[in-house]
Amino acid sequence: MNQVFSKIDIESMYAADTNGITFNESLKYAIVGSDVDDRCRVALRYLEQRYKIIRISYDSDNFIVLFDDKEIDANDFPDFIGKMDFGDGEVLIDTTTVNVPELLLLIGAFYENNIRHYSALYLEPSDYSHLQKNEMGSDRKFELSKRYEGYKGIPGYVLKLDIGDSVAFFCGYEPERIQNAFEFGSISSSYAYLLFGMPPYNAGWDMNSYENHIKFIDTQSIKNISFCGATNPLAVIKKLDEMYASISDDDKLFIAPLGTKPMSLGACLFVVVSSDRERVALLFDHPVKKPERTKDFGNWHLYNINIL
């Protein structure tokens, strides 16, 4: 059996400010992405004052990882990380700014190099950028992405999606992302699982996601709906364990982390630590984020990860 949940321990802390969370004294490096909005800039300023900053980005067209001033083929990234001499407990990934592909590649490279202890930071938004209110007064449309580069594989985590394979979608606020996935691949509604973040960051935010997806759910007659905490990576891993145990031995499980970043953290950990990499893969559409897509910031979350 896969049972990834039993292989991962995560110490979670959250608070309204950094005084309420305790960073490991062993931390030396903070790996960060780009600063597209208020909370990204706040997180970066905090980390820049305390750790050596390493910037990462991923070119999905050419499968290239940009790691500070170095360009590395994604297939060679684990070997590159192996030469960085990172010690256990020395690295923090700022998941506020680091995108899902980079997060997956980092976790995978750490795992292959036996780096089993590291931290992840996440800073919630206070609000998201709204598009407009409709005539009924609903305020659930958001401006988060300029466009989507499309569903394409991330080296090391690619499998062929066949009819009958299961797909777990972690839902955010953009229903078109799941619609595009159904157009992209051989996805059957009977094998599609939609997971919503509940409890959410703030009361009522789960309804933003659910209401935006309800038309698609109804049109596609999707019956497999479930929930797990929007800030709880371990709950995500446990839910994926349950899904994996329920599918046929001949089928695969694809995971599409389109929801909150803590949920994406859990999804990436599951994919990497899974013992059956021939049957577990990631499905991702590489969105191009709009500047100032969120407003202000909320709680700080720190996850100290220990791969057993």
Protein backbone atom coordinates (compact mmCIF):
# COMPACT_ATOMS: atom_id res chain seq x y z
CA MET A 1 0.00 0.00 0.00
CA ASN A 2 1.04 3.60 -0.66
CA GLN A 3 0.19 5.19 2.73
CA VAL A 4 2.12 8.42 2.30
CA PHE A 5 0.47 9.86 5.42
CA SER A 6 2.46 7.50 7.66
CA LYS A 7 5.75 8.68 6.08
CA ILE A 8 5.37 12.41 6.70
CA ASP A 9 5.21 14.47 9.87
CA ILE A 10 4.38 18.18 9.69
CA GLU A 11 4.55 20.54 12.64
CA SER A 12 2.15 23.39 11.82
CA MET A 13 2.05 26.83 13.40
CA TYR A 14 0.05 29.93 12.54
CA ALA A 15 -0.36 33.40 13.99
CA ALA A 16 -1.37 36.93 13.06
CA ASP A 17 2.30 37.94 13.00
CA THR A 18 5.73 36.32 13.13
CA ASN A 19 5.96 36.75 16.90
CA GLY A 20 3.50 33.89 17.22
CA ILE A 21 5.53 31.32 15.28
CA THR A 22 8.97 29.88 16.00
CA PHE A 23 11.45 29.42 13.17
CA ASN A 24 14.06 26.68 13.52
CA GLU A 25 17.42 28.05 14.60
CA SER A 26 19.11 25.81 12.03
CA LEU A 27 17.60 27.72 9.07
CA LYS A 28 20.15 29.37 6.78
CA TYR A 29 18.48 29.65 3.37
CA ALA A 30 15.12 30.91 2.11
CA ILE A 31 14.09 29.87 -1.40
CA VAL A 32 11.66 32.42 -2.84
CA GLY A 33 9.76 33.25 -6.02
CA SER A 34 8.47 36.53 -7.43
CA ASP A 35 6.69 39.34 -5.58
CA VAL A 36 3.38 39.80 -7.41
CA ASP A 37 1.37 41.43 -4.59
CA ASP A 38 1.37 42.86 -1.05
CA ARG A 39 1.76 39.65 0.91
CA CYS A 40 4.61 38.44 -1.31
CA ARG A 41 6.51 41.65 -0.64
CA VAL A 42 5.85 41.39 3.10
CA ALA A 43 7.09 37.78 3.20
CA LEU A 44 10.18 38.62 1.15
CA ARG A 45 11.11 41.59 3.32
CA TYR A 46 10.88 39.46 6.44
CA LEU A 47 13.00 36.64 4.98
CA GLU A 48 15.62 38.94 3.42
CA GLN A 49 16.46 40.30 6.86
CA ARG A 50 17.17 36.84 8.27
CA TYR A 51 18.38 34.34 5.66
CA LYS A 52 20.40 33.96 2.51
CA ILE A 53 17.88 34.41 -0.30
CA ILE A 54 17.81 32.08 -3.30
CA ARG A 55 15.36 32.88 -6.10
CA ILE A 56 13.72 30.18 -8.17
CA SER A 57 11.45 30.14 -11.22
CA TYR A 58 10.47 27.59 -13.83
CA ASP A 59 10.22 27.92 -17.62
CA SER A 60 7.46 25.45 -18.56
CA ASP A 61 8.06 25.86 -22.30
CA ASN A 62 11.71 24.81 -22.15
CA PHE A 63 11.66 22.74 -18.91
CA ILE A 64 14.32 24.95 -17.36
CA VAL A 65 14.72 25.83 -13.69
CA LEU A 66 16.21 29.25 -12.96
CA PHE A 67 18.02 29.03 -9.61
CA ASP A 68 19.50 32.43 -8.85
CA ASP A 69 21.78 33.05 -11.84
CA LYS A 70 21.91 29.39 -12.95
CA GLU A 71 19.83 27.72 -15.66
CA ILE A 72 19.30 24.00 -15.04
CA ASP A 73 17.44 21.44 -17.10
CA ALA A 74 14.58 20.22 -14.92
CA ASN A 75 15.76 16.62 -15.33
CA ASP A 76 19.15 17.62 -13.90
CA PHE A 77 17.76 19.63 -11.01
CA PRO A 78 18.11 16.88 -8.34
CA ASP A 79 21.81 16.49 -9.20
CA PHE A 80 22.24 20.25 -9.03
CA ILE A 81 20.61 20.45 -5.59
CA GLY A 82 22.84 17.58 -4.45
CA LYS A 83 25.86 19.79 -5.07
CA MET A 84 24.44 22.71 -3.06
CA ASP A 85 25.34 21.02 0.23
CA PHE A 86 22.07 21.91 1.94
CA GLY A 87 21.84 20.30 5.36
CA ASP A 88 18.74 18.93 7.06
CA GLY A 89 16.74 21.75 8.61
CA GLU A 90 18.68 24.52 6.84
CA VAL A 91 16.19 25.40 4.09
CA LEU A 92 12.87 27.22 4.10
CA ILE A 93 10.64 27.37 1.01
CA ASP A 94 8.48 30.47 0.84
CA THR A 95 5.33 28.97 -0.67
CA THR A 96 3.74 32.43 -0.71
CA THR A 97 5.93 33.31 -3.69
CA VAL A 98 7.14 29.94 -5.02
CA ASN A 99 4.78 28.46 -7.63
CA VAL A 100 3.53 24.88 -7.76
CA PRO A 101 6.00 23.53 -10.40
CA GLU A 102 8.99 24.94 -8.52
CA LEU A 103 7.58 23.61 -5.25
CA LEU A 104 7.22 20.12 -6.70
CA LEU A 105 10.72 20.17 -8.22
CA LEU A 106 12.28 21.40 -4.96
CA ILE A 107 10.52 18.79 -2.82
CA GLY A 108 11.50 16.10 -5.32
CA ALA A 109 15.14 17.22 -5.42
CA PHE A 110 15.30 17.33 -1.62
CA TYR A 111 13.84 13.84 -1.41
CA GLU A 112 16.29 12.38 -3.91
CA ASN A 113 19.19 13.92 -1.98
CA ASN A 114 17.97 12.62 1.37
CA ILE A 115 17.12 16.10 2.68
CA ARG A 116 14.29 15.06 4.94
CA HIS A 117 13.82 18.10 7.19
CA TYR A 118 12.92 21.56 5.88
CA SER A 119 10.34 24.29 6.43
CA ALA A 120 7.67 25.98 4.34
CA LEU A 121 6.26 29.45 4.97
CA TYR A 122 2.90 30.74 3.75
CA LEU A 123 1.28 34.14 4.24
CA GLU A 124 -2.48 34.30 3.69
CA PRO A 125 -4.06 37.15 1.73
CA SER A 126 -6.51 39.47 3.45
CA ASP A 127 -8.63 39.45 0.28
CA TYR A 128 -8.50 38.60 -3.41
CA SER A 129 -8.89 40.99 -6.34
CA HIS A 130 -12.53 40.93 -7.39
CA LEU A 131 -13.69 41.31 -10.99
CA GLN A 132 -17.12 42.81 -10.52
CA LYS A 133 -20.44 42.30 -8.82
CA ASN A 134 -23.21 40.85 -10.90
CA GLU A 135 -26.72 42.25 -10.91
CA MET A 136 -27.76 39.91 -8.08
CA GLY A 137 -25.08 41.40 -5.85
CA SER A 138 -22.75 38.39 -5.82
CA ASP A 139 -19.09 39.25 -5.35
CA ARG A 140 -17.47 35.91 -6.12
CA LYS A 141 -15.67 36.61 -9.42
CA PHE A 142 -11.95 37.21 -9.15
CA GLU A 143 -9.04 38.47 -11.25
CA LEU A 144 -6.20 36.11 -10.42
CA SER A 145 -4.58 34.97 -13.70
CA LYS A 146 -3.72 36.66 -16.99
CA ARG A 147 -3.81 33.38 -18.85
CA TYR A 148 -2.94 29.69 -18.55
CA GLU A 149 0.02 28.22 -20.39
CA GLY A 150 -1.88 24.93 -20.55
CA TYR A 151 -1.65 21.46 -19.05
CA LYS A 152 1.83 20.14 -19.70
CA GLY A 153 4.00 17.78 -17.77
CA ILE A 154 6.69 18.58 -15.25
CA PRO A 155 9.76 16.35 -15.83
CA GLY A 156 9.90 13.43 -13.43
CA TYR A 157 6.18 13.58 -12.64
CA VAL A 158 4.55 12.84 -16.00
CA LEU A 159 2.30 9.93 -16.91
CA LYS A 160 -0.15 9.35 -19.76
CA LEU A 161 -3.72 10.14 -18.78
CA ASP A 162 -5.99 7.32 -19.91
CA ILE A 163 -9.74 6.84 -19.80
CA GLY A 164 -10.61 5.40 -16.38
CA ASP A 165 -7.76 7.13 -14.55
CA SER A 166 -8.80 9.16 -11.51
CA VAL A 167 -8.13 12.90 -11.23
CA ALA A 168 -8.23 14.78 -7.93
CA PHE A 169 -8.83 18.51 -8.44
CA PHE A 170 -8.11 20.83 -5.53
CA CYS A 171 -10.45 23.71 -6.30
CA GLY A 172 -9.69 27.40 -6.05
CA TYR A 173 -11.68 30.35 -7.37
CA GLU A 174 -11.18 29.79 -11.12
CA PRO A 175 -13.56 27.11 -12.50
CA GLU A 176 -12.19 27.51 -16.04
CA ARG A 177 -9.04 25.71 -14.93
CA ILE A 178 -10.96 22.47 -14.38
CA GLN A 179 -13.02 23.05 -17.52
CA ASN A 180 -9.78 23.33 -19.49
CA ALA A 181 -8.55 20.05 -17.96
CA PHE A 182 -11.65 18.21 -19.19
CA GLU A 183 -11.01 19.59 -22.68
CA PHE A 184 -7.33 18.69 -22.47
CA GLY A 185 -7.52 15.03 -21.48
CA SER A 186 -9.57 11.86 -21.29
CA ILE A 187 -11.25 12.66 -17.99
CA SER A 188 -14.47 10.92 -17.05
CA SER A 189 -16.85 12.66 -14.64
CA SER A 190 -17.18 9.36 -12.80
CA TYR A 191 -13.44 9.43 -11.99
CA ALA A 192 -13.13 13.15 -11.24
CA TYR A 193 -12.86 14.18 -7.60
CA LEU A 194 -13.32 17.80 -6.56
CA LEU A 195 -11.86 18.86 -3.20
CA PHE A 196 -12.69 22.19 -1.60
CA GLY A 197 -10.79 23.91 1.20
CA MET A 198 -12.93 23.77 4.31
CA PRO A 199 -12.45 25.19 6.82
CA PRO A 200 -11.21 28.09 4.65
CA TYR A 201 -8.89 30.97 5.54
CA ASN A 202 -11.89 33.10 6.44
CA ALA A 203 -15.54 32.26 7.06
CA GLY A 204 -17.47 32.11 3.79
CA TRP A 205 -14.48 31.87 1.49
CA ASP A 206 -15.23 28.21 0.81
CA MET A 207 -18.51 29.35 -0.77
CA ASN A 208 -16.57 31.56 -3.19
CA SER A 209 -14.96 28.42 -4.56
CA TYR A 210 -18.00 26.17 -4.41
CA GLU A 211 -20.40 28.67 -5.99
CA ASN A 212 -17.99 29.35 -8.84
CA HIS A 213 -17.79 25.62 -9.60
CA ILE A 214 -21.43 24.66 -9.10
CA LYS A 215 -22.46 25.14 -12.73
CA PHE A 216 -19.58 22.96 -13.93
CA ILE A 217 -20.36 20.32 -11.31
CA ASP A 218 -23.97 20.22 -12.44
CA THR A 219 -23.17 20.21 -16.17
CA GLN A 220 -20.65 17.38 -15.82
CA SER A 221 -22.75 15.48 -13.25
CA ILE A 222 -19.79 15.20 -10.90
CA LYS A 223 -20.68 13.26 -7.76
CA ASN A 224 -17.32 12.92 -6.03
CA ILE A 225 -17.14 16.04 -3.85
CA SER A 226 -15.13 16.24 -0.64
CA PHE A 227 -13.44 18.73 1.67
CA CYS A 228 -10.21 19.19 3.61
CA GLY A 229 -8.69 22.12 5.44
CA ALA A 230 -7.47 24.95 3.22
CA THR A 231 -4.35 25.36 5.39
CA ASN A 232 -3.76 21.70 6.28
CA PRO A 233 -1.27 19.80 4.08
CA LEU A 234 -1.54 16.64 6.21
CA ALA A 235 -5.30 16.53 5.68
CA VAL A 236 -4.64 16.69 1.94
CA ILE A 237 -2.18 13.79 2.14
CA LYS A 238 -4.60 11.69 4.17
CA LYS A 239 -7.41 12.36 1.67
CA LEU A 240 -5.17 11.40 -1.25
CA ASP A 241 -4.14 8.21 0.54
CA GLU A 242 -7.82 7.31 0.78
CA MET A 243 -8.40 8.06 -2.90
CA TYR A 244 -5.38 6.07 -4.00
CA ALA A 245 -6.50 3.06 -1.94
CA SER A 246 -9.91 3.15 -3.63
CA ILE A 247 -8.78 2.99 -7.27
CA SER A 248 -8.14 -0.13 -9.32
CA ASP A 249 -4.60 -1.53 -9.43
CA ASP A 250 -4.61 -0.96 -13.19
CA ASP A 251 -5.49 2.74 -13.00
CA LYS A 252 -3.57 5.87 -12.11
CA LEU A 253 -4.20 8.85 -9.86
CA PHE A 254 -3.54 12.33 -11.24
CA ILE A 255 -3.46 15.26 -8.84
CA ALA A 256 -4.30 18.79 -9.98
CA PRO A 257 -3.37 21.32 -7.25
CA LEU A 258 -5.46 24.31 -8.33
CA GLY A 259 -6.49 25.47 -4.85
CA THR A 260 -4.67 27.03 -1.90
CA LYS A 261 -0.89 26.84 -1.63
CA PRO A 262 -0.96 24.82 1.63
CA MET A 263 -3.16 22.28 -0.17
CA SER A 264 -0.68 22.31 -3.07
CA LEU A 265 2.14 21.68 -0.58
CA GLY A 266 0.33 18.55 0.61
CA ALA A 267 -0.32 17.45 -2.98
CA CYS A 268 3.35 17.87 -3.98
CA LEU A 269 4.55 15.98 -0.91
CA PHE A 270 2.16 13.15 -1.74
CA VAL A 271 3.35 12.88 -5.35
CA VAL A 272 7.03 12.89 -4.38
CA VAL A 273 6.88 10.52 -1.41
CA SER A 274 4.45 8.10 -3.07
CA SER A 275 5.94 4.62 -3.34
CA ASP A 276 4.25 3.96 -6.69
CA ARG A 277 5.47 6.65 -9.05
CA GLU A 278 4.19 4.66 -12.04
CA ARG A 279 0.63 5.33 -10.89
CA VAL A 280 0.77 8.82 -9.36
CA ALA A 281 1.38 12.05 -11.30
CA LEU A 282 0.75 15.79 -11.23
CA LEU A 283 -1.57 17.64 -13.60
CA PHE A 284 -0.99 21.40 -13.81
CA ASP A 285 -1.90 24.27 -16.15
CA HIS A 286 0.85 26.82 -15.39
CA PRO A 287 -1.15 30.02 -14.83
CA VAL A 288 0.44 33.42 -15.42
CA LYS A 289 -0.50 35.42 -12.33
CA LYS A 290 -1.93 38.91 -12.51
CA PRO A 291 -0.05 41.57 -10.56
CA GLU A 292 -1.71 42.63 -7.31
CA ARG A 293 -4.00 39.60 -7.42
CA THR A 294 -4.47 39.71 -3.64
CA LYS A 295 -4.76 42.52 -1.11
CA ASP A 296 -2.91 43.02 2.17
CA PHE A 297 -2.16 39.88 4.22
CA GLY A 298 -3.61 37.68 6.94
CA ASN A 299 -2.18 34.89 9.09
CA TRP A 300 1.36 33.55 8.82
CA HIS A 301 1.73 29.77 8.54
CA LEU A 302 4.91 27.80 9.18
CA TYR A 303 5.18 24.11 8.33
CA ASN A 304 8.19 22.17 9.62
CA ILE A 305 8.34 19.07 7.42
CA ASN A 306 9.91 15.79 8.44
CA ILE A 307 9.99 12.91 5.94
CA LEU A 308 10.22 9.73 8.00
